[in-house]
N, C-alpha and C. Protein backbone atom coordinates (compact mmCIF):
# COMPACT_ATOMS: atom_id res chain seq x y z
N MET A 1 74.84 84.27 123.92
CA MET A 1 74.45 82.88 123.84
C MET A 1 72.93 82.78 123.93
N CYS A 2 72.35 81.96 123.11
CA CYS A 2 70.91 81.81 123.03
C CYS A 2 70.41 80.76 124.01
N GLU A 3 69.38 81.10 124.76
CA GLU A 3 68.70 80.11 125.59
C GLU A 3 67.47 79.65 124.82
N CYS A 4 67.71 78.98 123.71
CA CYS A 4 66.65 78.63 122.78
C CYS A 4 65.88 77.41 123.26
N GLU A 5 64.58 77.54 123.19
CA GLU A 5 63.68 76.48 123.58
C GLU A 5 62.94 75.89 122.39
N MET A 6 62.86 76.65 121.30
CA MET A 6 62.09 76.20 120.14
C MET A 6 62.95 76.24 118.88
N LYS A 7 62.79 75.21 118.08
CA LYS A 7 63.44 75.16 116.77
C LYS A 7 62.34 75.19 115.73
N ALA A 8 62.59 75.88 114.64
CA ALA A 8 61.60 75.96 113.57
C ALA A 8 62.29 76.04 112.22
N ALA A 9 61.55 75.63 111.21
CA ALA A 9 61.97 75.83 109.82
C ALA A 9 60.95 76.77 109.20
N ILE A 10 61.44 77.70 108.43
CA ILE A 10 60.55 78.63 107.75
C ILE A 10 60.82 78.51 106.26
N LEU A 11 59.77 78.19 105.51
CA LEU A 11 59.87 78.14 104.06
C LEU A 11 59.46 79.51 103.54
N VAL A 12 60.31 80.08 102.68
CA VAL A 12 60.10 81.44 102.21
C VAL A 12 59.90 81.42 100.70
N PHE A 13 58.87 82.13 100.26
CA PHE A 13 58.54 82.25 98.85
C PHE A 13 58.85 83.68 98.42
N THR A 14 59.53 83.84 97.27
CA THR A 14 59.96 85.17 96.86
C THR A 14 59.49 85.51 95.45
N GLU A 15 59.58 86.80 95.14
CA GLU A 15 59.36 87.25 93.77
C GLU A 15 60.51 86.71 92.92
N ALA A 16 60.27 86.57 91.63
CA ALA A 16 61.30 86.06 90.73
C ALA A 16 62.57 86.91 90.82
N GLY A 17 63.71 86.25 90.99
CA GLY A 17 65.00 86.92 91.01
C GLY A 17 65.35 87.60 92.32
N ALA A 18 64.51 87.51 93.34
CA ALA A 18 64.76 88.23 94.59
C ALA A 18 65.46 87.40 95.65
N TYR A 19 65.65 86.11 95.41
CA TYR A 19 66.10 85.24 96.50
C TYR A 19 67.47 85.60 97.08
N GLU A 20 68.41 86.08 96.26
CA GLU A 20 69.74 86.39 96.80
C GLU A 20 69.68 87.52 97.82
N ASP A 21 68.95 88.59 97.50
CA ASP A 21 68.81 89.71 98.43
C ASP A 21 68.05 89.29 99.68
N VAL A 22 67.03 88.45 99.50
CA VAL A 22 66.24 87.99 100.64
C VAL A 22 67.09 87.13 101.57
N VAL A 23 67.88 86.21 101.02
CA VAL A 23 68.75 85.37 101.84
C VAL A 23 69.71 86.23 102.65
N ALA A 24 70.30 87.23 102.02
CA ALA A 24 71.23 88.12 102.72
C ALA A 24 70.54 88.83 103.88
N HIS A 25 69.31 89.27 103.67
CA HIS A 25 68.56 89.95 104.73
C HIS A 25 68.18 88.97 105.85
N LEU A 26 67.75 87.78 105.47
CA LEU A 26 67.35 86.77 106.46
C LEU A 26 68.48 86.43 107.41
N LYS A 27 69.68 86.31 106.90
CA LYS A 27 70.83 85.93 107.72
C LYS A 27 71.14 86.95 108.81
N LYS A 28 70.61 88.16 108.70
CA LYS A 28 70.85 89.21 109.69
C LYS A 28 69.81 89.21 110.80
N LEU A 29 68.74 88.44 110.65
CA LEU A 29 67.67 88.46 111.64
C LEU A 29 68.03 87.64 112.88
N LYS A 30 67.67 88.16 114.05
CA LYS A 30 67.90 87.45 115.30
C LYS A 30 67.10 86.15 115.30
N GLY A 31 67.78 85.06 115.64
CA GLY A 31 67.13 83.75 115.69
C GLY A 31 67.38 82.89 114.48
N VAL A 32 67.85 83.50 113.40
CA VAL A 32 68.11 82.73 112.17
C VAL A 32 69.50 82.11 112.26
N ASN A 33 69.56 80.78 112.23
CA ASN A 33 70.84 80.06 112.23
C ASN A 33 71.35 79.86 110.81
N GLU A 34 70.44 79.54 109.91
CA GLU A 34 70.80 79.29 108.51
C GLU A 34 69.69 79.81 107.62
N ALA A 35 70.06 80.25 106.43
CA ALA A 35 69.11 80.62 105.39
C ALA A 35 69.79 80.30 104.07
N PHE A 36 69.09 79.51 103.23
CA PHE A 36 69.72 79.08 101.99
C PHE A 36 68.65 78.80 100.92
N PRO A 37 69.02 79.02 99.64
CA PRO A 37 68.09 78.74 98.55
C PRO A 37 67.86 77.24 98.42
N VAL A 38 66.64 76.87 98.04
CA VAL A 38 66.29 75.47 97.87
C VAL A 38 65.49 75.27 96.58
N THR A 39 65.42 74.03 96.13
CA THR A 39 64.53 73.70 95.03
C THR A 39 63.23 73.17 95.61
N GLY A 40 62.18 73.18 94.82
CA GLY A 40 60.88 72.74 95.30
C GLY A 40 59.91 73.89 95.28
N ARG A 41 58.84 73.77 96.05
CA ARG A 41 57.81 74.81 96.00
C ARG A 41 58.23 76.11 96.66
N ALA A 42 59.13 76.04 97.65
CA ALA A 42 59.65 77.26 98.29
C ALA A 42 60.96 77.66 97.62
N ASP A 43 61.36 78.90 97.83
CA ASP A 43 62.60 79.41 97.26
C ASP A 43 63.76 79.40 98.25
N ILE A 44 63.43 79.55 99.54
CA ILE A 44 64.45 79.65 100.58
C ILE A 44 63.99 78.85 101.80
N ALA A 45 64.94 78.18 102.46
CA ALA A 45 64.66 77.51 103.73
C ALA A 45 65.45 78.23 104.83
N VAL A 46 64.80 78.42 105.95
CA VAL A 46 65.41 79.07 107.11
C VAL A 46 65.35 78.09 108.28
N VAL A 47 66.46 77.96 109.01
CA VAL A 47 66.49 77.20 110.25
C VAL A 47 66.64 78.22 111.37
N ALA A 48 65.70 78.17 112.31
CA ALA A 48 65.69 79.18 113.37
C ALA A 48 65.63 78.52 114.75
N ASP A 49 66.27 79.17 115.71
CA ASP A 49 66.18 78.80 117.13
C ASP A 49 65.73 80.04 117.88
N VAL A 50 64.64 79.90 118.61
CA VAL A 50 64.08 81.03 119.35
C VAL A 50 63.73 80.60 120.77
N GLY A 51 63.48 81.57 121.61
CA GLY A 51 63.20 81.28 123.01
C GLY A 51 61.79 80.79 123.27
N ASP A 52 60.83 81.33 122.53
CA ASP A 52 59.44 80.96 122.77
C ASP A 52 58.59 81.30 121.55
N LEU A 53 57.30 81.00 121.65
CA LEU A 53 56.38 81.21 120.54
C LEU A 53 56.27 82.68 120.16
N ASN A 54 56.35 83.56 121.13
CA ASN A 54 56.29 84.99 120.85
C ASN A 54 57.48 85.42 119.98
N GLU A 55 58.67 84.96 120.30
CA GLU A 55 59.84 85.28 119.49
C GLU A 55 59.71 84.70 118.09
N LEU A 56 59.17 83.50 117.99
CA LEU A 56 58.96 82.89 116.67
C LEU A 56 57.96 83.69 115.86
N SER A 57 56.90 84.14 116.49
CA SER A 57 55.90 84.97 115.83
C SER A 57 56.52 86.26 115.31
N ASN A 58 57.34 86.90 116.13
CA ASN A 58 58.02 88.13 115.71
C ASN A 58 58.96 87.87 114.54
N LEU A 59 59.68 86.75 114.58
CA LEU A 59 60.58 86.40 113.49
C LEU A 59 59.79 86.17 112.20
N ALA A 60 58.69 85.41 112.30
CA ALA A 60 57.88 85.13 111.11
C ALA A 60 57.32 86.42 110.51
N LEU A 61 56.91 87.35 111.34
CA LEU A 61 56.41 88.64 110.85
C LEU A 61 57.53 89.45 110.19
N SER A 62 58.73 89.35 110.73
CA SER A 62 59.88 90.04 110.12
C SER A 62 60.19 89.46 108.75
N VAL A 63 60.08 88.16 108.63
CA VAL A 63 60.36 87.49 107.35
C VAL A 63 59.42 87.99 106.26
N VAL A 64 58.12 88.01 106.54
CA VAL A 64 57.17 88.43 105.49
C VAL A 64 57.24 89.92 105.21
N GLY A 65 57.92 90.67 106.08
CA GLY A 65 58.09 92.10 105.85
C GLY A 65 59.27 92.45 104.97
N ILE A 66 60.07 91.47 104.60
CA ILE A 66 61.25 91.71 103.76
C ILE A 66 60.81 91.95 102.32
N LYS A 67 61.36 92.97 101.70
CA LYS A 67 61.06 93.27 100.30
C LYS A 67 61.43 92.07 99.42
N GLY A 68 60.50 91.64 98.60
CA GLY A 68 60.73 90.50 97.72
C GLY A 68 60.11 89.21 98.21
N VAL A 69 59.70 89.17 99.49
CA VAL A 69 59.05 87.98 100.04
C VAL A 69 57.56 88.07 99.73
N THR A 70 57.02 87.00 99.15
CA THR A 70 55.59 86.98 98.82
C THR A 70 54.78 86.18 99.82
N ALA A 71 55.41 85.20 100.49
CA ALA A 71 54.71 84.37 101.47
C ALA A 71 55.73 83.55 102.24
N SER A 72 55.27 82.98 103.36
CA SER A 72 56.13 82.06 104.12
C SER A 72 55.26 81.02 104.80
N GLU A 73 55.91 79.93 105.21
CA GLU A 73 55.24 78.87 105.96
C GLU A 73 56.18 78.47 107.08
N THR A 74 55.71 78.51 108.31
CA THR A 74 56.53 78.21 109.46
C THR A 74 56.21 76.81 109.98
N LEU A 75 57.26 76.01 110.14
CA LEU A 75 57.14 74.64 110.62
C LEU A 75 57.82 74.57 111.97
N VAL A 76 57.08 74.24 113.02
CA VAL A 76 57.60 74.26 114.38
C VAL A 76 57.93 72.84 114.85
N GLU A 77 59.10 72.70 115.45
CA GLU A 77 59.49 71.42 116.02
C GLU A 77 58.49 71.03 117.11
N VAL A 78 58.04 69.76 117.08
CA VAL A 78 57.07 69.33 118.08
C VAL A 78 57.64 68.36 119.10
N GLN A 79 58.82 67.81 118.81
CA GLN A 79 59.41 66.86 119.76
C GLN A 79 60.92 66.98 119.70
N LYS A 80 61.52 67.18 120.86
CA LYS A 80 62.99 67.24 120.93
C LYS A 80 63.54 65.84 120.92
N ARG A 81 64.74 65.71 120.38
CA ARG A 81 65.38 64.39 120.36
C ARG A 81 66.00 64.06 121.67
C-alpha cells in the first residue's frame, strides 16, 4: 500500500511509432497509476502517486531513460482537494 503524499502528471514525448512499447514500460514503474496514449503535443500521459519530491524526481529520471522517449514534462499537484 502506498503512503502517497504527491500526485503528478507526466507528459511523455516519444520517437515516431514508439509509444506502445513506452506505455508498456511505463506501467511497470513504481508510482505509475496510469499510462495511456493521448492526442495533442505529448504522446503519452502518466498519472503518478509518490511519497515525496525525491521519489518524483527518481520517477521522472526513469521515464526519460526509457528507450524511445525523447522528452517529458512533469506537472505536480499544488493543492489537494
